[in-house]
Structure formats: C-alpha cells, structure tokens
C-alpha cells in the first residue's frame, strides 16, 4: 500500500459543501458517478482539507491510501479517476485487477460460457422449458440454477450475506407454474457473472487459503468453494449443450406444440 497526496484539485463549491468534509459521503458520490469505489476506498479517503480559491471553486488537498500500482491522474468536480496498473496485482483493489488465483478461476469460469450462451440463442420459450425424459431438468431450470449457485454460495459462505432470490424463490422450490422468460433468465445469468468478476477482483491472494464451513462439503478453503462454483457451472452448462444438441432435435415437433 502507498499514500498519494493530491494537491490543488478543483471542485465546485456545492459538491464541496455536500461531500468533501465527510470522507464516506465523498466516496459515495464517486459511486453515484459510476467511478471505481469500494468499501476499502470509502475508508481510505482521509485528511480532506479545503482552502478558498480566487475563482470561487475550492482547492482541495486529500490523501488517499492506494493499492500498489494504482495512480490518480485527475480529480475533477469531486470525482477521482483511477488509472489501473498495466499488470496483475492481487493487492490493487482500486485498480480492479485480479490476482493469479482469481484470474485462473475467472478464466476457467468464462471458458465454456460463450458455448453455453450460443446454445440457447435460437431457442424458443417452449424449447427452454421442455423437460427431458425421466424427470430431467429443463434448460430454463439449468439457466436459473447456474447463477443462483454462483451468487448464493459466495454470498452465504464467503461474504456472510443473506441469499438472494430475484424470482421470489429458489429454482429448487419452484413449482410447475409460470417460468421466468428467456430474457429474464439470461439477464440474471449475466448480472451474477458481473458480480463474480467484481468479487474475484476484490479477493486477495491469501484469502483463498481461508477455511470455511460448508454443510455439504465440510471444512473447505475459499479456493475450494470457488472451485465448487466453477464446476457447478461446467457441469450444468454441459447439460444445457447436451439437451440442445442431442435431445431437443429428437423431441422435434412435440416440443413446439407443448
């Protein structure tokens, strides 16, 4: 970690009055503007000082604690813009890069994803909901289950957050009533994958060695939990492709008429 002092950065008086005397609200303002911001960043805005300027704007001096490799190149209208380093640095939370272990998990998770999504592109709602023989899971079920596991396993075991069910219930508790649309399921998939990227970017190398308790697998590392997320996606993604390539073609007209 290193400390960087930014001197004579200008901000409009209204923004200064609202945000700059309160580090947390200042950081929240960055988030509103869609700029890089995290809880780590929020607690790192320190020693904000204000002095008058002849132009009517405020002259600010603030000290930030940054991950190694990150740098500030501009502070404009109370918005800090960060330049990510050109290399992977696991400690650089502000630069939003991944460490080696996080990168391996991310690359592996994404490797088969394009094939999974391509397989669903041309499917109708009926084909998505078609149930294979012997009580197999439909593609709709699988597209719901993959992001649910990816999100909630991490929320519950790694982040100590309550589980989240955007469609009201877990897919495992869903009855045979109405299903979410194809667009809704794909949006859920992509939303959770974006969360995964953000979570991996914020995971330090040493965090992967932390032990957690899981009711199904016992005492495992954070690394193994992410391995479970990865293999769940690969397992069920493979089922999607198998259904599309082998079973739907054989089912033929019975699918579209159902």
C-alpha atoms as a PDB file:
ATOM      1  CA  UNK A   1       0.000   0.000   0.000  1.00  0.00           C
ATOM      2  CA  UNK A   2       1.142   3.554  -0.618  1.00  0.00           C
ATOM      3  CA  UNK A   3      -0.161   7.014   0.153  1.00  0.00           C
ATOM      4  CA  UNK A   4      -0.593   9.619  -2.541  1.00  0.00           C
ATOM      5  CA  UNK A   5      -1.299  13.280  -1.876  1.00  0.00           C
ATOM      6  CA  UNK A   6      -3.252  15.183  -4.499  1.00  0.00           C
ATOM      7  CA  UNK A   7      -2.881  18.933  -4.202  1.00  0.00           C
ATOM      8  CA  UNK A   8      -4.856  21.771  -5.843  1.00  0.00           C
ATOM      9  CA  UNK A   9      -7.625  19.594  -7.217  1.00  0.00           C
ATOM     10  CA  UNK A  10     -10.630  21.737  -8.046  1.00  0.00           C
ATOM     11  CA  UNK A  11     -14.218  21.010  -7.136  1.00  0.00           C
ATOM     12  CA  UNK A  12     -17.358  23.108  -7.385  1.00  0.00           C
ATOM     13  CA  UNK A  13     -18.440  24.695  -4.104  1.00  0.00           C
ATOM     14  CA  UNK A  14     -21.798  22.831  -3.873  1.00  0.00           C
ATOM     15  CA  UNK A  15     -20.096  19.455  -4.193  1.00  0.00           C
ATOM     16  CA  UNK A  16     -17.506  20.539  -1.646  1.00  0.00           C
ATOM     17  CA  UNK A  17     -20.150  21.575   0.843  1.00  0.00           C
ATOM     18  CA  UNK A  18     -22.069  18.327   0.480  1.00  0.00           C
ATOM     19  CA  UNK A  19     -19.356  15.709   0.240  1.00  0.00           C
ATOM     20  CA  UNK A  20     -15.825  16.804   0.874  1.00  0.00           C
ATOM     21  CA  UNK A  21     -15.959  17.263   4.632  1.00  0.00           C
ATOM     22  CA  UNK A  22     -17.273  13.720   5.022  1.00  0.00           C
ATOM     23  CA  UNK A  23     -14.990  11.018   3.546  1.00  0.00           C
ATOM     24  CA  UNK A  24     -17.689   8.373   3.320  1.00  0.00           C
ATOM     25  CA  UNK A  25     -20.174  10.643   1.554  1.00  0.00           C
ATOM     26  CA  UNK A  26     -17.372  11.801  -0.712  1.00  0.00           C
ATOM     27  CA  UNK A  27     -16.687   8.181  -1.669  1.00  0.00           C
ATOM     28  CA  UNK A  28     -20.408   7.547  -2.105  1.00  0.00           C
ATOM     29  CA  UNK A  29     -20.501  10.425  -4.574  1.00  0.00           C
ATOM     30  CA  UNK A  30     -17.873   8.641  -6.642  1.00  0.00           C
ATOM     31  CA  UNK A  31     -20.044   5.541  -6.718  1.00  0.00           C
ATOM     32  CA  UNK A  32     -23.035   7.598  -7.884  1.00  0.00           C
ATOM     33  CA  UNK A  33     -20.919   8.865 -10.742  1.00  0.00           C
ATOM     34  CA  UNK A  34     -20.096   5.282 -11.742  1.00  0.00           C
ATOM     35  CA  UNK A  35     -16.425   5.584 -10.858  1.00  0.00           C
ATOM     36  CA  UNK A  36     -14.324   2.917  -9.117  1.00  0.00           C
ATOM     37  CA  UNK A  37     -15.297   2.794  -5.478  1.00  0.00           C
ATOM     38  CA  UNK A  38     -15.374   0.114  -2.795  1.00  0.00           C
ATOM     39  CA  UNK A  39     -15.650  -0.174   0.967  1.00  0.00           C
ATOM     40  CA  UNK A  40     -11.861  -0.228   1.042  1.00  0.00           C
ATOM     41  CA  UNK A  41     -11.815   3.004  -0.885  1.00  0.00           C
ATOM     42  CA  UNK A  42     -14.520   4.573   1.294  1.00  0.00           C
ATOM     43  CA  UNK A  43     -12.412   4.183   4.410  1.00  0.00           C
ATOM     44  CA  UNK A  44      -9.273   5.386   2.628  1.00  0.00           C
ATOM     45  CA  UNK A  45     -10.392   8.938   1.853  1.00  0.00           C
ATOM     46  CA  UNK A  46      -8.625  10.792   4.617  1.00  0.00           C
ATOM     47  CA  UNK A  47      -7.248  14.166   5.571  1.00  0.00           C
ATOM     48  CA  UNK A  48      -9.515  16.098   3.225  1.00  0.00           C
ATOM     49  CA  UNK A  49      -8.711  19.777   3.611  1.00  0.00           C
ATOM     50  CA  UNK A  50     -10.297  22.761   1.945  1.00  0.00           C
ATOM     51  CA  UNK A  51      -8.968  26.215   1.246  1.00  0.00           C
ATOM     52  CA  UNK A  52     -10.582  29.102  -0.672  1.00  0.00           C
ATOM     53  CA  UNK A  53      -9.714  29.853  -4.268  1.00  0.00           C
ATOM     54  CA  UNK A  54      -9.949  33.162  -6.036  1.00  0.00           C
ATOM     55  CA  UNK A  55     -12.053  31.577  -8.780  1.00  0.00           C
ATOM     56  CA  UNK A  56     -14.800  30.696  -6.320  1.00  0.00           C
ATOM     57  CA  UNK A  57     -14.022  26.985  -6.509  1.00  0.00           C
ATOM     58  CA  UNK A  58     -12.495  25.013  -3.684  1.00  0.00           C
ATOM     59  CA  UNK A  59      -8.871  23.966  -3.651  1.00  0.00           C
ATOM     60  CA  UNK A  60      -8.622  20.525  -2.125  1.00  0.00           C
ATOM     61  CA  UNK A  61      -5.805  18.591  -0.601  1.00  0.00           C
ATOM     62  CA  UNK A  62      -6.593  14.978   0.139  1.00  0.00           C
ATOM     63  CA  UNK A  63      -4.547  11.948   0.998  1.00  0.00           C
ATOM     64  CA  UNK A  64      -5.584   8.525  -0.260  1.00  0.00           C
ATOM     65  CA  UNK A  65      -4.277   5.091   0.587  1.00  0.00           C
ATOM     66  CA  UNK A  66      -3.965   3.157  -2.647  1.00  0.00           C
ATOM     67  CA  UNK A  67      -3.060  -0.382  -3.553  1.00  0.00           C
ATOM     68  CA  UNK A  68       0.391  -0.701  -5.035  1.00  0.00           C
ATOM     69  CA  UNK A  69       0.371   0.132  -8.718  1.00  0.00           C
ATOM     70  CA  UNK A  70      -2.720   2.353  -8.764  1.00  0.00           C
ATOM     71  CA  UNK A  71      -2.365   6.004  -9.594  1.00  0.00           C
ATOM     72  CA  UNK A  72      -4.594   9.054  -9.744  1.00  0.00           C
ATOM     73  CA  UNK A  73      -4.399  11.104 -12.888  1.00  0.00           C
ATOM     74  CA  UNK A  74      -7.245  13.548 -12.354  1.00  0.00           C
ATOM     75  CA  UNK A  75      -9.588  14.927  -9.733  1.00  0.00           C
ATOM     76  CA  UNK A  76     -12.334  16.894 -11.442  1.00  0.00           C
ATOM     77  CA  UNK A  77     -15.601  18.074  -9.887  1.00  0.00           C
ATOM     78  CA  UNK A  78     -15.056  15.906  -6.841  1.00  0.00           C
ATOM     79  CA  UNK A  79     -14.668  12.805  -8.998  1.00  0.00           C
ATOM     80  CA  UNK A  80     -11.477  10.796  -8.666  1.00  0.00           C
ATOM     81  CA  UNK A  81     -10.468   8.784 -11.721  1.00  0.00           C
ATOM     82  CA  UNK A  82      -8.061   5.912 -11.198  1.00  0.00           C
ATOM     83  CA  UNK A  83      -5.622   4.532 -13.723  1.00  0.00           C
ATOM     84  CA  UNK A  84      -5.399   0.726 -13.394  1.00  0.00           C
ATOM     85  CA  UNK A  85      -1.838  -0.606 -13.408  1.00  0.00           C
ATOM     86  CA  UNK A  86      -0.704  -2.405 -16.554  1.00  0.00           C
ATOM     87  CA  UNK A  87      -0.042  -5.644 -14.672  1.00  0.00           C
ATOM     88  CA  UNK A  88      -1.952  -8.020 -12.415  1.00  0.00           C
ATOM     89  CA  UNK A  89      -1.583  -7.080  -8.780  1.00  0.00           C
ATOM     90  CA  UNK A  90      -3.608  -9.012  -6.176  1.00  0.00           C
ATOM     91  CA  UNK A  91      -3.376  -6.182  -3.653  1.00  0.00           C
ATOM     92  CA  UNK A  92      -4.607  -3.496  -6.008  1.00  0.00           C
ATOM     93  CA  UNK A  93      -8.283  -3.307  -5.139  1.00  0.00           C
ATOM     94  CA  UNK A  94      -8.709   0.178  -6.554  1.00  0.00           C
ATOM     95  CA  UNK A  95      -7.189  -0.704  -9.905  1.00  0.00           C
ATOM     96  CA  UNK A  96      -9.706  -3.558 -10.211  1.00  0.00           C
ATOM     97  CA  UNK A  97      -7.331  -6.277 -11.374  1.00  0.00           C
ATOM     98  CA  UNK A  98      -7.198  -9.938 -10.372  1.00  0.00           C
ATOM     99  CA  UNK A  99      -4.500 -11.904  -8.639  1.00  0.00           C
ATOM    100  CA  UNK A 100      -3.245 -15.167 -10.183  1.00  0.00           C
ATOM    101  CA  UNK A 101      -5.685 -17.437  -8.344  1.00  0.00           C
ATOM    102  CA  UNK A 102      -8.675 -15.206  -9.019  1.00  0.00           C
ATOM    103  CA  UNK A 103      -7.664 -14.923 -12.679  1.00  0.00           C
ATOM    104  CA  UNK A 104      -7.456 -18.712 -13.012  1.00  0.00           C
ATOM    105  CA  UNK A 105     -10.942 -19.115 -11.545  1.00  0.00           C
ATOM    106  CA  UNK A 106     -12.366 -16.352 -13.742  1.00  0.00           C
ATOM    107  CA  UNK A 107     -10.781 -17.614 -16.951  1.00  0.00           C
ATOM    108  CA  UNK A 108     -11.961 -21.159 -16.242  1.00  0.00           C
ATOM    109  CA  UNK A 109     -15.479 -19.976 -15.436  1.00  0.00           C
ATOM    110  CA  UNK A 110     -15.682 -17.967 -18.644  1.00  0.00           C
ATOM    111  CA  UNK A 111     -14.040 -20.548 -20.921  1.00  0.00           C
ATOM    112  CA  UNK A 112     -17.231 -22.511 -21.691  1.00  0.00           C
ATOM    113  CA  UNK A 113     -19.706 -19.684 -21.125  1.00  0.00           C
ATOM    114  CA  UNK A 114     -19.807 -18.475 -24.767  1.00  0.00           C
ATOM    115  CA  UNK A 115     -20.709 -22.008 -25.895  1.00  0.00           C
ATOM    116  CA  UNK A 116     -23.466 -22.223 -23.286  1.00  0.00           C
ATOM    117  CA  UNK A 117     -24.966 -18.905 -24.343  1.00  0.00           C
ATOM    118  CA  UNK A 118     -24.661 -19.692 -28.059  1.00  0.00           C
ATOM    119  CA  UNK A 119     -26.555 -22.921 -27.492  1.00  0.00           C
ATOM    120  CA  UNK A 120     -29.531 -21.000 -26.098  1.00  0.00           C
ATOM    121  CA  UNK A 121     -29.616 -18.152 -28.634  1.00  0.00           C
ATOM    122  CA  UNK A 122     -32.120 -19.645 -31.064  1.00  0.00           C
ATOM    123  CA  UNK A 123     -34.277 -21.494 -28.535  1.00  0.00           C
ATOM    124  CA  UNK A 124     -37.933 -20.618 -28.150  1.00  0.00           C
ATOM    125  CA  UNK A 125     -39.605 -20.243 -24.763  1.00  0.00           C
ATOM    126  CA  UNK A 126     -41.180 -23.682 -25.264  1.00  0.00           C
ATOM    127  CA  UNK A 127     -37.822 -25.279 -26.033  1.00  0.00           C
ATOM    128  CA  UNK A 128     -36.298 -23.592 -22.998  1.00  0.00           C
ATOM    129  CA  UNK A 129     -38.983 -25.056 -20.727  1.00  0.00           C
ATOM    130  CA  UNK A 130     -39.104 -28.514 -22.328  1.00  0.00           C
ATOM    131  CA  UNK A 131     -38.402 -31.222 -19.765  1.00  0.00           C
ATOM    132  CA  UNK A 132     -36.237 -34.149 -20.871  1.00  0.00           C
ATOM    133  CA  UNK A 133     -37.397 -37.724 -20.198  1.00  0.00           C
ATOM    134  CA  UNK A 134     -37.056 -39.348 -16.772  1.00  0.00           C
ATOM    135  CA  UNK A 135     -37.724 -36.071 -14.932  1.00  0.00           C
ATOM    136  CA  UNK A 136     -34.608 -34.372 -16.274  1.00  0.00           C
ATOM    137  CA  UNK A 137     -34.112 -30.659 -15.727  1.00  0.00           C
ATOM    138  CA  UNK A 138     -35.172 -28.230 -18.438  1.00  0.00           C
ATOM    139  CA  UNK A 139     -32.791 -25.668 -19.906  1.00  0.00           C
ATOM    140  CA  UNK A 140     -34.810 -22.975 -18.120  1.00  0.00           C
ATOM    141  CA  UNK A 141     -34.185 -24.767 -14.820  1.00  0.00           C
ATOM    142  CA  UNK A 142     -30.453 -25.014 -15.545  1.00  0.00           C
ATOM    143  CA  UNK A 143     -30.153 -21.363 -16.632  1.00  0.00           C
ATOM    144  CA  UNK A 144     -31.787 -20.392 -13.347  1.00  0.00           C
ATOM    145  CA  UNK A 145     -29.750 -22.793 -11.204  1.00  0.00           C
ATOM    146  CA  UNK A 146     -26.278 -21.853 -12.519  1.00  0.00           C
ATOM    147  CA  UNK A 147     -26.370 -18.172 -11.436  1.00  0.00           C
ATOM    148  CA  UNK A 148     -28.284 -18.989  -8.259  1.00  0.00           C
ATOM    149  CA  UNK A 149     -25.464 -21.260  -7.077  1.00  0.00           C
ATOM    150  CA  UNK A 150     -22.785 -18.868  -8.349  1.00  0.00           C
ATOM    151  CA  UNK A 151     -24.291 -15.967  -6.406  1.00  0.00           C
ATOM    152  CA  UNK A 152     -25.654 -17.575  -3.253  1.00  0.00           C
ATOM    153  CA  UNK A 153     -22.814 -19.956  -2.436  1.00  0.00           C
ATOM    154  CA  UNK A 154     -20.461 -16.981  -2.380  1.00  0.00           C
ATOM    155  CA  UNK A 155     -22.925 -14.716  -0.568  1.00  0.00           C
ATOM    156  CA  UNK A 156     -23.665 -17.291   2.115  1.00  0.00           C
ATOM    157  CA  UNK A 157     -20.269 -18.890   2.730  1.00  0.00           C
ATOM    158  CA  UNK A 158     -17.714 -16.256   1.749  1.00  0.00           C
ATOM    159  CA  UNK A 159     -19.425 -12.904   2.309  1.00  0.00           C
ATOM    160  CA  UNK A 160     -21.815 -13.769   5.172  1.00  0.00           C
ATOM    161  CA  UNK A 161     -24.705 -12.171   3.312  1.00  0.00           C
ATOM    162  CA  UNK A 162     -28.289 -13.453   3.075  1.00  0.00           C
ATOM    163  CA  UNK A 163     -29.126 -15.478  -0.001  1.00  0.00           C
ATOM    164  CA  UNK A 164     -30.849 -13.641  -2.837  1.00  0.00           C
ATOM    165  CA  UNK A 165     -33.736 -14.901  -4.976  1.00  0.00           C
ATOM    166  CA  UNK A 166     -34.636 -12.431  -7.756  1.00  0.00           C
ATOM    167  CA  UNK A 167     -37.546 -14.613  -8.922  1.00  0.00           C
ATOM    168  CA  UNK A 168     -39.007 -14.926  -5.431  1.00  0.00           C
ATOM    169  CA  UNK A 169     -37.863 -18.467  -4.603  1.00  0.00           C
ATOM    170  CA  UNK A 170     -35.034 -20.863  -5.276  1.00  0.00           C
ATOM    171  CA  UNK A 171     -35.349 -22.788  -8.513  1.00  0.00           C
ATOM    172  CA  UNK A 172     -35.436 -25.946  -6.387  1.00  0.00           C
ATOM    173  CA  UNK A 173     -38.592 -24.669  -4.681  1.00  0.00           C
ATOM    174  CA  UNK A 174     -40.251 -23.588  -7.920  1.00  0.00           C
ATOM    175  CA  UNK A 175     -43.496 -25.355  -8.726  1.00  0.00           C
ATOM    176  CA  UNK A 176     -44.636 -26.220 -12.217  1.00  0.00           C
ATOM    177  CA  UNK A 177     -46.271 -22.824 -12.653  1.00  0.00           C
ATOM    178  CA  UNK A 178     -45.057 -19.943 -14.784  1.00  0.00           C
ATOM    179  CA  UNK A 179     -41.335 -19.720 -15.507  1.00  0.00           C
ATOM    180  CA  UNK A 180     -39.243 -16.566 -15.917  1.00  0.00           C
ATOM    181  CA  UNK A 181     -38.797 -15.598 -19.553  1.00  0.00           C
ATOM    182  CA  UNK A 182     -35.696 -16.462 -21.531  1.00  0.00           C
ATOM    183  CA  UNK A 183     -34.583 -12.814 -21.434  1.00  0.00           C
ATOM    184  CA  UNK A 184     -35.068 -12.669 -17.657  1.00  0.00           C
ATOM    185  CA  UNK A 185     -33.018 -15.824 -17.111  1.00  0.00           C
ATOM    186  CA  UNK A 186     -30.186 -14.663 -19.366  1.00  0.00           C
ATOM    187  CA  UNK A 187     -30.173 -11.254 -17.661  1.00  0.00           C
ATOM    188  CA  UNK A 188     -29.883 -12.989 -14.289  1.00  0.00           C
ATOM    189  CA  UNK A 189     -27.006 -15.116 -15.606  1.00  0.00           C
ATOM    190  CA  UNK A 190     -25.117 -12.047 -16.860  1.00  0.00           C
ATOM    191  CA  UNK A 191     -25.841  -9.989 -13.738  1.00  0.00           C
ATOM    192  CA  UNK A 192     -24.407 -12.653 -11.451  1.00  0.00           C
ATOM    193  CA  UNK A 193     -21.385 -13.175 -13.688  1.00  0.00           C
ATOM    194  CA  UNK A 194     -20.629  -9.438 -13.398  1.00  0.00           C
ATOM    195  CA  UNK A 195     -20.897  -9.771  -9.597  1.00  0.00           C
ATOM    196  CA  UNK A 196     -18.490 -12.709  -9.729  1.00  0.00           C
ATOM    197  CA  UNK A 197     -15.948 -10.651 -11.633  1.00  0.00           C
ATOM    198  CA  UNK A 198     -16.221  -7.881  -9.061  1.00  0.00           C
ATOM    199  CA  UNK A 199     -15.884 -10.325  -6.171  1.00  0.00           C
ATOM    200  CA  UNK A 200     -12.819 -12.009  -7.628  1.00  0.00           C
ATOM    201  CA  UNK A 201     -11.179  -8.644  -8.252  1.00  0.00           C
ATOM    202  CA  UNK A 202     -11.607  -7.862  -4.552  1.00  0.00           C
ATOM    203  CA  UNK A 203     -10.225 -11.186  -3.286  1.00  0.00           C
ATOM    204  CA  UNK A 204      -6.633 -11.056  -2.101  1.00  0.00           C
ATOM    205  CA  UNK A 205      -4.316 -13.997  -2.701  1.00  0.00           C
ATOM    206  CA  UNK A 206      -4.135 -15.001   0.971  1.00  0.00           C
ATOM    207  CA  UNK A 207      -7.934 -15.014   1.239  1.00  0.00           C
ATOM    208  CA  UNK A 208      -8.127 -18.149  -0.913  1.00  0.00           C
ATOM    209  CA  UNK A 209      -6.469 -20.121   1.914  1.00  0.00           C
ATOM    210  CA  UNK A 210      -9.105 -19.133   4.495  1.00  0.00           C
ATOM    211  CA  UNK A 211     -11.103 -22.064   5.860  1.00  0.00           C
ATOM    212  CA  UNK A 212     -14.900 -22.020   5.833  1.00  0.00           C
ATOM    213  CA  UNK A 213     -17.591 -24.484   6.918  1.00  0.00           C
ATOM    214  CA  UNK A 214     -19.975 -25.896   4.337  1.00  0.00           C
ATOM    215  CA  UNK A 215     -22.894 -28.140   5.273  1.00  0.00           C
ATOM    216  CA  UNK A 216     -22.366 -30.369   2.229  1.00  0.00           C
ATOM    217  CA  UNK A 217     -18.566 -30.494   1.896  1.00  0.00           C
ATOM    218  CA  UNK A 218     -17.379 -29.903   5.458  1.00  0.00           C
ATOM    219  CA  UNK A 219     -14.320 -27.739   6.130  1.00  0.00           C
ATOM    220  CA  UNK A 220     -13.018 -26.311   2.848  1.00  0.00           C
ATOM    221  CA  UNK A 221     -10.935 -23.367   1.688  1.00  0.00           C
ATOM    222  CA  UNK A 222     -12.267 -20.308  -0.095  1.00  0.00           C
ATOM    223  CA  UNK A 223     -10.374 -21.640  -3.111  1.00  0.00           C
ATOM    224  CA  UNK A 224     -12.318 -24.896  -2.980  1.00  0.00           C
ATOM    225  CA  UNK A 225     -15.618 -23.037  -2.645  1.00  0.00           C
ATOM    226  CA  UNK A 226     -14.828 -21.124  -5.831  1.00  0.00           C
ATOM    227  CA  UNK A 227     -13.875 -24.461  -7.376  1.00  0.00           C
ATOM    228  CA  UNK A 228     -17.369 -25.657  -6.497  1.00  0.00           C
ATOM    229  CA  UNK A 229     -18.884 -22.630  -8.218  1.00  0.00           C
ATOM    230  CA  UNK A 230     -16.746 -23.286 -11.281  1.00  0.00           C
ATOM    231  CA  UNK A 231     -17.534 -26.996 -11.540  1.00  0.00           C
ATOM    232  CA  UNK A 232     -21.245 -26.371 -10.958  1.00  0.00           C
ATOM    233  CA  UNK A 233     -21.309 -24.065 -13.971  1.00  0.00           C
ATOM    234  CA  UNK A 234     -19.330 -26.531 -16.096  1.00  0.00           C
ATOM    235  CA  UNK A 235     -21.483 -29.467 -15.032  1.00  0.00           C
ATOM    236  CA  UNK A 236     -24.845 -27.816 -15.687  1.00  0.00           C
ATOM    237  CA  UNK A 237     -23.605 -25.889 -18.707  1.00  0.00           C
ATOM    238  CA  UNK A 238     -22.656 -29.221 -20.254  1.00  0.00           C
ATOM    239  CA  UNK A 239     -26.177 -30.464 -19.591  1.00  0.00           C
ATOM    240  CA  UNK A 240     -27.591 -27.470 -21.469  1.00  0.00           C
ATOM    241  CA  UNK A 241     -25.454 -28.191 -24.518  1.00  0.00           C
ATOM    242  CA  UNK A 242     -26.322 -31.899 -24.386  1.00  0.00           C
ATOM    243  CA  UNK A 243     -30.054 -31.131 -24.302  1.00  0.00           C
ATOM    244  CA  UNK A 244     -29.784 -28.690 -27.197  1.00  0.00           C
ATOM    245  CA  UNK A 245     -27.576 -30.866 -29.410  1.00  0.00           C
ATOM    246  CA  UNK A 246     -28.971 -34.323 -28.666  1.00  0.00           C
ATOM    247  CA  UNK A 247     -32.384 -34.297 -27.006  1.00  0.00           C
ATOM    248  CA  UNK A 248     -34.256 -31.337 -28.483  1.00  0.00           C
ATOM    249  CA  UNK A 249     -33.537 -32.477 -32.038  1.00  0.00           C
ATOM    250  CA  UNK A 250     -35.018 -35.902 -31.257  1.00  0.00           C
ATOM    251  CA  UNK A 251     -38.046 -34.425 -29.483  1.00  0.00           C
ATOM    252  CA  UNK A 252     -38.893 -32.429 -32.618  1.00  0.00           C
ATOM    253  CA  UNK A 253     -42.460 -31.245 -33.082  1.00  0.00           C
ATOM    254  CA  UNK A 254     -43.580 -32.357 -29.631  1.00  0.00           C
ATOM    255  CA  UNK A 255     -41.566 -29.506 -28.114  1.00  0.00           C
ATOM    256  CA  UNK A 256     -43.022 -26.685 -30.198  1.00  0.00           C
ATOM    257  CA  UNK A 257     -46.563 -27.949 -29.735  1.00  0.00           C
ATOM    258  CA  UNK A 258     -46.324 -28.313 -25.963  1.00  0.00           C
END
